[in-house]
Amino acid sequence: MELLFDENKTDVLAGSPVKKIHIRTQNMGRKWVTTIDGLDADLDLHRIAKALKKSLHCATTVITDKDDVEVIQLQGNHCDVLKEWLVGNEVITKAEGEERLVVHDA
């Protein structure tokens, strides 16, 4: 079996880092929470959260998890529209969306 990734999540064949973007939904009683993590460090997550708030009409915030990684948190279950929103607003390219996006739907 050929090794495609090393322990640093680097693509061995291309030699470039492959960092996945995770979209997770979680049911908290009657309410849903959607989180996005793994976006590039050079992106302004607060501006993305504000734009998501306007277009999806939901409460958003940027939180820091236990590993000091910033995560965008949205109120509601928006996993089905987030991929199209990220590509449509040029946060990521369509090719990146196919390669890097992972949706964890509850």
PDB file of N, CA and C in Angstrom:
ATOM      1  N   MET A   1       0.842  -1.179   0.000  1.00  0.00           N
ATOM      2  CA  MET A   1       0.000   0.000   0.000  1.00  0.00           C
ATOM      3  C   MET A   1       0.883   1.237   0.000  1.00  0.00           C
ATOM      4  N   GLU A   2       0.576   2.160  -0.874  1.00  0.00           N
ATOM      5  CA  GLU A   2       1.370   3.368  -1.037  1.00  0.00           C
ATOM      6  C   GLU A   2       0.966   4.422  -0.006  1.00  0.00           C
ATOM      7  N   LEU A   3       1.954   5.064   0.592  1.00  0.00           N
ATOM      8  CA  LEU A   3       1.712   6.102   1.579  1.00  0.00           C
ATOM      9  C   LEU A   3       1.420   7.409   0.857  1.00  0.00           C
ATOM     10  N   LEU A   4       0.217   7.952   1.081  1.00  0.00           N
ATOM     11  CA  LEU A   4      -0.164   9.196   0.422  1.00  0.00           C
ATOM     12  C   LEU A   4       0.070  10.413   1.302  1.00  0.00           C
ATOM     13  N   PHE A   5      -0.023  10.254   2.624  1.00  0.00           N
ATOM     14  CA  PHE A   5       0.149  11.362   3.547  1.00  0.00           C
ATOM     15  C   PHE A   5       1.137  10.962   4.631  1.00  0.00           C
ATOM     16  N   ASP A   6       1.988  11.889   5.039  1.00  0.00           N
ATOM     17  CA  ASP A   6       2.860  11.622   6.172  1.00  0.00           C
ATOM     18  C   ASP A   6       2.186  12.102   7.450  1.00  0.00           C
ATOM     19  N   GLU A   7       2.883  12.029   8.574  1.00  0.00           N
ATOM     20  CA  GLU A   7       2.273  12.379   9.862  1.00  0.00           C
ATOM     21  C   GLU A   7       1.942  13.857   9.982  1.00  0.00           C
ATOM     22  N   ASN A   8       2.497  14.718   9.135  1.00  0.00           N
ATOM     23  CA  ASN A   8       2.210  16.149   9.173  1.00  0.00           C
ATOM     24  C   ASN A   8       1.084  16.551   8.240  1.00  0.00           C
ATOM     25  N   LYS A   9       0.313  15.571   7.751  1.00  0.00           N
ATOM     26  CA  LYS A   9      -0.791  15.805   6.813  1.00  0.00           C
ATOM     27  C   LYS A   9      -0.308  16.486   5.537  1.00  0.00           C
ATOM     28  N   THR A  10       0.875  16.099   5.074  1.00  0.00           N
ATOM     29  CA  THR A  10       1.423  16.641   3.845  1.00  0.00           C
ATOM     30  C   THR A  10       1.265  15.603   2.746  1.00  0.00           C
ATOM     31  N   ASP A  11       0.834  16.045   1.604  1.00  0.00           N
ATOM     32  CA  ASP A  11       0.693  15.169   0.449  1.00  0.00           C
ATOM     33  C   ASP A  11       2.084  14.754  -0.005  1.00  0.00           C
ATOM     34  N   VAL A  12       2.397  13.470   0.119  1.00  0.00           N
ATOM     35  CA  VAL A  12       3.733  12.980  -0.193  1.00  0.00           C
ATOM     36  C   VAL A  12       4.025  13.093  -1.681  1.00  0.00           C
ATOM     37  N   LEU A  13       3.032  12.849  -2.525  1.00  0.00           N
ATOM     38  CA  LEU A  13       3.257  12.873  -3.959  1.00  0.00           C
ATOM     39  C   LEU A  13       3.488  14.286  -4.474  1.00  0.00           C
ATOM     40  N   ALA A  14       2.682  15.236  -4.029  1.00  0.00           N
ATOM     41  CA  ALA A  14       2.802  16.607  -4.522  1.00  0.00           C
ATOM     42  C   ALA A  14       3.723  17.449  -3.652  1.00  0.00           C
ATOM     43  N   GLY A  15       3.928  17.057  -2.406  1.00  0.00           N
ATOM     44  CA  GLY A  15       4.792  17.800  -1.508  1.00  0.00           C
ATOM     45  C   GLY A  15       4.152  19.046  -0.929  1.00  0.00           C
ATOM     46  N   SER A  16       2.841  19.198  -1.079  1.00  0.00           N
ATOM     47  CA  SER A  16       2.160  20.384  -0.562  1.00  0.00           C
ATOM     48  C   SER A  16       1.239  19.985   0.587  1.00  0.00           C
ATOM     49  N   PRO A  17       1.036  20.880   1.551  1.00  0.00           N
ATOM     50  CA  PRO A  17       0.158  20.539   2.664  1.00  0.00           C
ATOM     51  C   PRO A  17      -1.301  20.455   2.231  1.00  0.00           C
ATOM     52  N   VAL A  18      -1.992  19.438   2.709  1.00  0.00           N
ATOM     53  CA  VAL A  18      -3.404  19.252   2.419  1.00  0.00           C
ATOM     54  C   VAL A  18      -4.137  19.338   3.749  1.00  0.00           C
ATOM     55  N   LYS A  19      -4.752  20.479   3.999  1.00  0.00           N
ATOM     56  CA  LYS A  19      -5.480  20.698   5.239  1.00  0.00           C
ATOM     57  C   LYS A  19      -6.965  20.640   4.931  1.00  0.00           C
ATOM     58  N   LYS A  20      -7.652  19.730   5.558  1.00  0.00           N
ATOM     59  CA  LYS A  20      -9.081  19.536   5.316  1.00  0.00           C
ATOM     60  C   LYS A  20      -9.895  20.628   6.001  1.00  0.00           C
ATOM     61  N   ILE A  21     -11.015  20.971   5.381  1.00  0.00           N
ATOM     62  CA  ILE A  21     -11.981  21.903   5.945  1.00  0.00           C
ATOM     63  C   ILE A  21     -13.159  21.058   6.409  1.00  0.00           C
ATOM     64  N   HIS A  22     -13.445  21.094   7.705  1.00  0.00           N
ATOM     65  CA  HIS A  22     -14.490  20.264   8.281  1.00  0.00           C
ATOM     66  C   HIS A  22     -15.728  21.107   8.580  1.00  0.00           C
ATOM     67  N   ILE A  23     -16.876  20.619   8.112  1.00  0.00           N
ATOM     68  CA  ILE A  23     -18.168  21.213   8.421  1.00  0.00           C
ATOM     69  C   ILE A  23     -18.915  20.191   9.263  1.00  0.00           C
ATOM     70  N   ARG A  24     -19.226  20.579  10.504  1.00  0.00           N
ATOM     71  CA  ARG A  24     -19.871  19.652  11.429  1.00  0.00           C
ATOM     72  C   ARG A  24     -21.204  20.236  11.903  1.00  0.00           C
ATOM     73  N   THR A  25     -22.181  19.353  12.088  1.00  0.00           N
ATOM     74  CA  THR A  25     -23.442  19.755  12.693  1.00  0.00           C
ATOM     75  C   THR A  25     -23.624  18.971  13.977  1.00  0.00           C
ATOM     76  N   GLN A  26     -24.254  19.610  14.942  1.00  0.00           N
ATOM     77  CA  GLN A  26     -24.471  18.969  16.225  1.00  0.00           C
ATOM     78  C   GLN A  26     -25.856  19.349  16.726  1.00  0.00           C
ATOM     79  N   ASN A  27     -26.604  18.370  17.188  1.00  0.00           N
ATOM     80  CA  ASN A  27     -27.928  18.603  17.726  1.00  0.00           C
ATOM     81  C   ASN A  27     -27.795  18.839  19.222  1.00  0.00           C
ATOM     82  N   MET A  28     -28.249  20.007  19.663  1.00  0.00           N
ATOM     83  CA  MET A  28     -28.170  20.354  21.077  1.00  0.00           C
ATOM     84  C   MET A  28     -29.590  20.539  21.606  1.00  0.00           C
ATOM     85  N   GLY A  29     -30.242  19.425  21.870  1.00  0.00           N
ATOM     86  CA  GLY A  29     -31.641  19.482  22.281  1.00  0.00           C
ATOM     87  C   GLY A  29     -32.515  19.740  21.078  1.00  0.00           C
ATOM     88  N   ARG A  30     -33.230  20.858  21.101  1.00  0.00           N
ATOM     89  CA  ARG A  30     -34.071  21.219  19.950  1.00  0.00           C
ATOM     90  C   ARG A  30     -33.322  22.059  18.938  1.00  0.00           C
ATOM     91  N   LYS A  31     -32.156  22.528  19.290  1.00  0.00           N
ATOM     92  CA  LYS A  31     -31.415  23.444  18.424  1.00  0.00           C
ATOM     93  C   LYS A  31     -30.232  22.743  17.757  1.00  0.00           C
ATOM     94  N   TRP A  32     -29.821  23.287  16.619  1.00  0.00           N
ATOM     95  CA  TRP A  32     -28.681  22.771  15.871  1.00  0.00           C
ATOM     96  C   TRP A  32     -27.572  23.810  15.859  1.00  0.00           C
ATOM     97  N   VAL A  33     -26.335  23.325  15.822  1.00  0.00           N
ATOM     98  CA  VAL A  33     -25.159  24.181  15.716  1.00  0.00           C
ATOM     99  C   VAL A  33     -24.296  23.619  14.596  1.00  0.00           C
ATOM    100  N   THR A  34     -23.828  24.487  13.709  1.00  0.00           N
ATOM    101  CA  THR A  34     -22.940  24.101  12.618  1.00  0.00           C
ATOM    102  C   THR A  34     -21.604  24.794  12.831  1.00  0.00           C
ATOM    103  N   THR A  35     -20.501  24.057  12.684  1.00  0.00           N
ATOM    104  CA  THR A  35     -19.168  24.632  12.843  1.00  0.00           C
ATOM    105  C   THR A  35     -18.346  24.390  11.590  1.00  0.00           C
ATOM    106  N   ILE A  36     -17.463  25.342  11.296  1.00  0.00           N
ATOM    107  CA  ILE A  36     -16.535  25.248  10.172  1.00  0.00           C
ATOM    108  C   ILE A  36     -15.134  25.449  10.732  1.00  0.00           C
ATOM    109  N   ASP A  37     -14.250  24.475  10.531  1.00  0.00           N
ATOM    110  CA  ASP A  37     -12.860  24.668  10.927  1.00  0.00           C
ATOM    111  C   ASP A  37     -11.945  24.142   9.839  1.00  0.00           C
ATOM    112  N   GLY A  38     -10.713  24.606   9.870  1.00  0.00           N
ATOM    113  CA  GLY A  38      -9.734  24.192   8.877  1.00  0.00           C
ATOM    114  C   GLY A  38      -9.554  25.178   7.741  1.00  0.00           C
ATOM    115  N   LEU A  39     -10.196  26.335   7.820  1.00  0.00           N
ATOM    116  CA  LEU A  39      -9.982  27.355   6.786  1.00  0.00           C
ATOM    117  C   LEU A  39      -8.565  27.898   6.892  1.00  0.00           C
ATOM    118  N   ASP A  40      -8.056  28.438   5.817  1.00  0.00           N
ATOM    119  CA  ASP A  40      -6.683  28.940   5.792  1.00  0.00           C
ATOM    120  C   ASP A  40      -6.482  30.049   6.819  1.00  0.00           C
ATOM    121  N   ALA A  41      -5.271  30.130   7.338  1.00  0.00           N
ATOM    122  CA  ALA A  41      -4.954  31.099   8.389  1.00  0.00           C
ATOM    123  C   ALA A  41      -4.967  32.532   7.872  1.00  0.00           C
ATOM    124  N   ASP A  42      -4.747  32.731   6.577  1.00  0.00           N
ATOM    125  CA  ASP A  42      -4.701  34.093   6.043  1.00  0.00           C
ATOM    126  C   ASP A  42      -6.095  34.693   5.812  1.00  0.00           C
ATOM    127  N   LEU A  43      -7.164  33.902   6.000  1.00  0.00           N
ATOM    128  CA  LEU A  43      -8.523  34.403   5.833  1.00  0.00           C
ATOM    129  C   LEU A  43      -8.985  35.088   7.115  1.00  0.00           C
ATOM    130  N   ASP A  44      -9.791  36.134   6.967  1.00  0.00           N
ATOM    131  CA  ASP A  44     -10.361  36.839   8.109  1.00  0.00           C
ATOM    132  C   ASP A  44     -11.675  36.153   8.478  1.00  0.00           C
ATOM    133  N   LEU A  45     -11.631  35.326   9.508  1.00  0.00           N
ATOM    134  CA  LEU A  45     -12.800  34.539   9.884  1.00  0.00           C
ATOM    135  C   LEU A  45     -13.942  35.403  10.403  1.00  0.00           C
ATOM    136  N   HIS A  46     -13.622  36.534  11.000  1.00  0.00           N
ATOM    137  CA  HIS A  46     -14.675  37.419  11.501  1.00  0.00           C
ATOM    138  C   HIS A  46     -15.476  38.031  10.346  1.00  0.00           C
ATOM    139  N   ARG A  47     -14.804  38.370   9.255  1.00  0.00           N
ATOM    140  CA  ARG A  47     -15.521  38.909   8.088  1.00  0.00           C
ATOM    141  C   ARG A  47     -16.354  37.824   7.415  1.00  0.00           C
ATOM    142  N   ILE A  48     -15.821  36.599   7.366  1.00  0.00           N
ATOM    143  CA  ILE A  48     -16.577  35.485   6.785  1.00  0.00           C
ATOM    144  C   ILE A  48     -17.808  35.206   7.633  1.00  0.00           C
ATOM    145  N   ALA A  49     -17.653  35.222   8.964  1.00  0.00           N
ATOM    146  CA  ALA A  49     -18.782  34.981   9.865  1.00  0.00           C
ATOM    147  C   ALA A  49     -19.850  36.059   9.696  1.00  0.00           C
ATOM    148  N   LYS A  50     -19.417  37.300   9.527  1.00  0.00           N
ATOM    149  CA  LYS A  50     -20.377  38.391   9.341  1.00  0.00           C
ATOM    150  C   LYS A  50     -21.138  38.233   8.019  1.00  0.00           C
ATOM    151  N   ALA A  51     -20.441  37.833   6.955  1.00  0.00           N
ATOM    152  CA  ALA A  51     -21.098  37.613   5.668  1.00  0.00           C
ATOM    153  C   ALA A  51     -22.053  36.420   5.730  1.00  0.00           C
ATOM    154  N   LEU A  52     -21.662  35.365   6.450  1.00  0.00           N
ATOM    155  CA  LEU A  52     -22.549  34.219   6.625  1.00  0.00           C
ATOM    156  C   LEU A  52     -23.810  34.622   7.385  1.00  0.00           C
ATOM    157  N   LYS A  53     -23.645  35.460   8.378  1.00  0.00           N
ATOM    158  CA  LYS A  53     -24.774  35.925   9.176  1.00  0.00           C
ATOM    159  C   LYS A  53     -25.784  36.667   8.308  1.00  0.00           C
ATOM    160  N   LYS A  54     -25.282  37.513   7.397  1.00  0.00           N
ATOM    161  CA  LYS A  54     -26.168  38.271   6.515  1.00  0.00           C
ATOM    162  C   LYS A  54     -26.876  37.390   5.502  1.00  0.00           C
ATOM    163  N   SER A  55     -26.148  36.459   4.900  1.00  0.00           N
ATOM    164  CA  SER A  55     -26.756  35.681   3.816  1.00  0.00           C
ATOM    165  C   SER A  55     -27.595  34.504   4.317  1.00  0.00           C
ATOM    166  N   LEU A  56     -27.236  33.894   5.445  1.00  0.00           N
ATOM    167  CA  LEU A  56     -27.984  32.741   5.947  1.00  0.00           C
ATOM    168  C   LEU A  56     -28.995  33.117   7.028  1.00  0.00           C
ATOM    169  N   HIS A  57     -28.993  34.384   7.461  1.00  0.00           N
ATOM    170  CA  HIS A  57     -29.941  34.878   8.463  1.00  0.00           C
ATOM    171  C   HIS A  57     -29.913  34.035   9.734  1.00  0.00           C
ATOM    172  N   CYS A  58     -28.702  33.906  10.292  1.00  0.00           N
ATOM    173  CA  CYS A  58     -28.531  33.144  11.530  1.00  0.00           C
ATOM    174  C   CYS A  58     -27.462  33.823  12.382  1.00  0.00           C
ATOM    175  N   ALA A  59     -27.416  33.467  13.642  1.00  0.00           N
ATOM    176  CA  ALA A  59     -26.390  33.986  14.536  1.00  0.00           C
ATOM    177  C   ALA A  59     -25.067  33.262  14.262  1.00  0.00           C
ATOM    178  N   THR A  60     -23.978  34.014  14.207  1.00  0.00           N
ATOM    179  CA  THR A  60     -22.661  33.423  13.992  1.00  0.00           C
ATOM    180  C   THR A  60     -21.680  33.991  15.000  1.00  0.00           C
ATOM    181  N   THR A  61     -20.623  33.234  15.246  1.00  0.00           N
ATOM    182  CA  THR A  61     -19.550  33.689  16.111  1.00  0.00           C
ATOM    183  C   THR A  61     -18.272  32.945  15.741  1.00  0.00           C
ATOM    184  N   VAL A  62     -17.156  33.511  16.127  1.00  0.00           N
ATOM    185  CA  VAL A  62     -15.865  32.852  15.946  1.00  0.00           C
ATOM    186  C   VAL A  62     -15.372  32.483  17.336  1.00  0.00           C
ATOM    187  N   ILE A  63     -15.185  31.192  17.571  1.00  0.00           N
ATOM    188  CA  ILE A  63     -14.736  30.723  18.869  1.00  0.00           C
ATOM    189  C   ILE A  63     -13.356  30.088  18.732  1.00  0.00           C
ATOM    190  N   THR A  64     -12.659  29.975  19.843  1.00  0.00           N
ATOM    191  CA  THR A  64     -11.362  29.315  19.880  1.00  0.00           C
ATOM    192  C   THR A  64     -11.531  27.999  20.619  1.00  0.00           C
ATOM    193  N   ASP A  65     -11.155  26.888  19.950  1.00  0.00           N
ATOM    194  CA  ASP A  65     -11.318  25.590  20.597  1.00  0.00           C
ATOM    195  C   ASP A  65     -10.129  25.293  21.512  1.00  0.00           C
ATOM    196  N   LYS A  66     -10.093  24.090  22.068  1.00  0.00           N
ATOM    197  CA  LYS A  66      -9.083  23.736  23.061  1.00  0.00           C
ATOM    198  C   LYS A  66      -7.667  23.699  22.496  1.00  0.00           C
ATOM    199  N   ASP A  67      -7.517  23.571  21.176  1.00  0.00           N
ATOM    200  CA  ASP A  67      -6.196  23.546  20.542  1.00  0.00           C
ATOM    201  C   ASP A  67      -5.790  24.911  20.010  1.00  0.00           C
ATOM    202  N   ASP A  68      -6.458  25.980  20.454  1.00  0.00           N
ATOM    203  CA  ASP A  68      -6.216  27.351  20.015  1.00  0.00           C
ATOM    204  C   ASP A  68      -6.414  27.530  18.512  1.00  0.00           C
ATOM    205  N   VAL A  69      -7.405  26.844  17.979  1.00  0.00           N
ATOM    206  CA  VAL A  69      -7.781  26.969  16.573  1.00  0.00           C
ATOM    207  C   VAL A  69      -9.100  27.714  16.514  1.00  0.00           C
ATOM    208  N   GLU A  70      -9.182  28.723  15.647  1.00  0.00           N
ATOM    209  CA  GLU A  70     -10.421  29.481  15.515  1.00  0.00           C
ATOM    210  C   GLU A  70     -11.411  28.725  14.637  1.00  0.00           C
ATOM    211  N   VAL A  71     -12.659  28.687  15.094  1.00  0.00           N
ATOM    212  CA  VAL A  71     -13.730  27.944  14.439  1.00  0.00           C
ATOM    213  C   VAL A  71     -14.920  28.878  14.279  1.00  0.00           C
ATOM    214  N   ILE A  72     -15.554  28.856  13.105  1.00  0.00           N
ATOM    215  CA  ILE A  72     -16.783  29.616  12.894  1.00  0.00           C
ATOM    216  C   ILE A  72     -17.952  28.749  13.337  1.00  0.00           C
ATOM    217  N   GLN A  73     -18.805  29.306  14.188  1.00  0.00           N
ATOM    218  CA  GLN A  73     -19.960  28.581  14.696  1.00  0.00           C
ATOM    219  C   GLN A  73     -21.231  29.298  14.256  1.00  0.00           C
ATOM    220  N   LEU A  74     -22.166  28.546  13.672  1.00  0.00           N
ATOM    221  CA  LEU A  74     -23.425  29.090  13.182  1.00  0.00           C
ATOM    222  C   LEU A  74     -24.586  28.452  13.924  1.00  0.00           C
ATOM    223  N   GLN A  75     -25.614  29.234  14.176  1.00  0.00           N
ATOM    224  CA  GLN A  75     -26.811  28.711  14.802  1.00  0.00           C
ATOM    225  C   GLN A  75     -27.685  28.103  13.717  1.00  0.00           C
ATOM    226  N   GLY A  76     -28.038  26.837  13.868  1.00  0.00           N
ATOM    227  CA  GLY A  76     -28.877  26.140  12.899  1.00  0.00           C
ATOM    228  C   GLY A  76     -28.088  25.098  12.116  1.00  0.00           C
ATOM    229  N   ASN A  77     -28.809  24.303  11.337  1.00  0.00           N
ATOM    230  CA  ASN A  77     -28.206  23.254  10.517  1.00  0.00           C
ATOM    231  C   ASN A  77     -28.047  23.794   9.091  1.00  0.00           C
ATOM    232  N   HIS A  78     -26.817  24.167   8.734  1.00  0.00           N
ATOM    233  CA  HIS A  78     -26.554  24.776   7.431  1.00  0.00           C
ATOM    234  C   HIS A  78     -25.534  23.982   6.621  1.00  0.00           C
ATOM    235  N   CYS A  79     -25.351  22.709   6.937  1.00  0.00           N
ATOM    236  CA  CYS A  79     -24.297  21.950   6.262  1.00  0.00           C
ATOM    237  C   CYS A  79     -24.571  21.784   4.772  1.00  0.00           C
ATOM    238  N   ASP A  80     -25.827  21.775   4.369  1.00  0.00           N
ATOM    239  CA  ASP A  80     -26.140  21.551   2.962  1.00  0.00           C
ATOM    240  C   ASP A  80     -25.850  22.762   2.080  1.00  0.00           C
ATOM    241  N   VAL A  81     -25.870  23.972   2.626  1.00  0.00           N
ATOM    242  CA  VAL A  81     -25.646  25.162   1.808  1.00  0.00           C
ATOM    243  C   VAL A  81     -24.246  25.766   1.978  1.00  0.00           C
ATOM    244  N   LEU A  82     -23.503  25.332   2.982  1.00  0.00           N
ATOM    245  CA  LEU A  82     -22.208  25.952   3.243  1.00  0.00           C
ATOM    246  C   LEU A  82     -21.185  25.707   2.146  1.00  0.00           C
ATOM    247  N   LYS A  83     -21.167  24.512   1.575  1.00  0.00           N
ATOM    248  CA  LYS A  83     -20.207  24.220   0.509  1.00  0.00           C
ATOM    249  C   LYS A  83     -20.444  25.156  -0.676  1.00  0.00           C
ATOM    250  N   GLU A  84     -21.696  25.287  -1.085  1.00  0.00           N
ATOM    251  CA  GLU A  84     -22.010  26.173  -2.201  1.00  0.00           C
ATOM    252  C   GLU A  84     -21.720  27.629  -1.849  1.00  0.00           C
ATOM    253  N   TRP A  85     -21.961  28.025  -0.595  1.00  0.00           N
ATOM    254  CA  TRP A  85     -21.696  29.397  -0.183  1.00  0.00           C
ATOM    255  C   TRP A  85     -20.201  29.692  -0.201  1.00  0.00           C
ATOM    256  N   LEU A  86     -19.384  28.772   0.307  1.00  0.00           N
ATOM    257  CA  LEU A  86     -17.935  28.988   0.336  1.00  0.00           C
ATOM    258  C   LEU A  86     -17.355  29.095  -1.073  1.00  0.00           C
ATOM    259  N   VAL A  87     -17.841  28.273  -1.996  1.00  0.00           N
ATOM    260  CA  VAL A  87     -17.361  28.326  -3.380  1.00  0.00           C
ATOM    261  C   VAL A  87     -17.935  29.544  -4.099  1.00  0.00           C
ATOM    262  N   GLY A  88     -19.203  29.829  -3.889  1.00  0.00           N
ATOM    263  CA  GLY A  88     -19.861  30.940  -4.562  1.00  0.00           C
ATOM    264  C   GLY A  88     -19.310  32.303  -4.160  1.00  0.00           C
ATOM    265  N   ASN A  89     -18.866  32.449  -2.934  1.00  0.00           N
ATOM    266  CA  ASN A  89     -18.304  33.709  -2.458  1.00  0.00           C
ATOM    267  C   ASN A  89     -16.780  33.717  -2.504  1.00  0.00           C
ATOM    268  N   GLU A  90     -16.214  32.773  -3.208  1.00  0.00           N
ATOM    269  CA  GLU A  90     -14.778  32.689  -3.500  1.00  0.00           C
ATOM    270  C   GLU A  90     -13.906  32.636  -2.251  1.00  0.00           C
ATOM    271  N   VAL A  91     -14.413  32.002  -1.184  1.00  0.00           N
ATOM    272  CA  VAL A  91     -13.580  31.734  -0.015  1.00  0.00           C
ATOM    273  C   VAL A  91     -12.623  30.595  -0.362  1.00  0.00           C
ATOM    274  N   ILE A  92     -13.142  29.593  -1.077  1.00  0.00           N
ATOM    275  CA  ILE A  92     -12.318  28.510  -1.620  1.00  0.00           C
ATOM    276  C   ILE A  92     -12.715  28.319  -3.079  1.00  0.00           C
ATOM    277  N   THR A  93     -11.826  27.698  -3.850  1.00  0.00           N
ATOM    278  CA  THR A  93     -12.142  27.411  -5.245  1.00  0.00           C
ATOM    279  C   THR A  93     -12.954  26.126  -5.328  1.00  0.00           C
ATOM    280  N   LYS A  94     -13.552  25.877  -6.481  1.00  0.00           N
ATOM    281  CA  LYS A  94     -14.353  24.668  -6.656  1.00  0.00           C
ATOM    282  C   LYS A  94     -13.483  23.421  -6.542  1.00  0.00           C
ATOM    283  N   ALA A  95     -12.252  23.483  -7.069  1.00  0.00           N
ATOM    284  CA  ALA A  95     -11.339  22.339  -6.962  1.00  0.00           C
ATOM    285  C   ALA A  95     -10.956  22.074  -5.508  1.00  0.00           C
ATOM    286  N   GLU A  96     -10.721  23.150  -4.756  1.00  0.00           N
ATOM    287  CA  GLU A  96     -10.424  22.987  -3.336  1.00  0.00           C
ATOM    288  C   GLU A  96     -11.617  22.396  -2.600  1.00  0.00           C
ATOM    289  N   GLY A  97     -12.803  22.801  -2.988  1.00  0.00           N
ATOM    290  CA  GLY A  97     -14.006  22.278  -2.363  1.00  0.00           C
ATOM    291  C   GLY A  97     -14.146  20.788  -2.542  1.00  0.00           C
ATOM    292  N   GLU A  98     -13.834  20.306  -3.725  1.00  0.00           N
ATOM    293  CA  GLU A  98     -13.912  18.873  -3.980  1.00  0.00           C
ATOM    294  C   GLU A  98     -12.832  18.107  -3.217  1.00  0.00           C
ATOM    295  N   GLU A  99     -11.656  18.711  -3.074  1.00  0.00           N
ATOM    296  CA  GLU A  99     -10.526  18.028  -2.467  1.00  0.00           C
ATOM    297  C   GLU A  99     -10.495  18.155  -0.947  1.00  0.00           C
ATOM    298  N   ARG A 100     -10.828  19.329  -0.422  1.00  0.00           N
ATOM    299  CA  ARG A 100     -10.590  19.597   0.986  1.00  0.00           C
ATOM    300  C   ARG A 100     -11.814  19.548   1.881  1.00  0.00           C
ATOM    301  N   LEU A 101     -13.013  19.747   1.349  1.00  0.00           N
ATOM    302  CA  LEU A 101     -14.201  19.826   2.203  1.00  0.00           C
ATOM    303  C   LEU A 101     -14.656  18.450   2.677  1.00  0.00           C
ATOM    304  N   VAL A 102     -14.883  18.330   3.978  1.00  0.00           N
ATOM    305  CA  VAL A 102     -15.421  17.120   4.582  1.00  0.00           C
ATOM    306  C   VAL A 102     -16.631  17.545   5.405  1.00  0.00           C
ATOM    307  N   VAL A 103     -17.799  16.949   5.103  1.00  0.00           N
ATOM    308  CA  VAL A 103     -19.032  17.290   5.801  1.00  0.00           C
ATOM    309  C   VAL A 103     -19.365  16.142   6.750  1.00  0.00           C
ATOM    310  N   HIS A 104     -19.442  16.475   8.042  1.00  0.00           N
ATOM    311  CA  HIS A 104     -19.836  15.515   9.072  1.00  0.00           C
ATOM    312  C   HIS A 104     -21.261  15.857   9.466  1.00  0.00           C
ATOM    313  N   ASP A 105     -22.210  15.152   8.892  1.00  0.00           N
ATOM    314  CA  ASP A 105     -23.626  15.447   9.116  1.00  0.00           C
ATOM    315  C   ASP A 105     -24.152  14.524  10.199  1.00  0.00           C
ATOM    316  N   ALA A 106     -24.836  15.097  11.178  1.00  0.00           N
ATOM    317  CA  ALA A 106     -25.362  14.288  12.292  1.00  0.00           C
ATOM    318  C   ALA A 106     -26.684  13.673  11.943  1.00  0.00           C
TER     319      ALA A 106
END
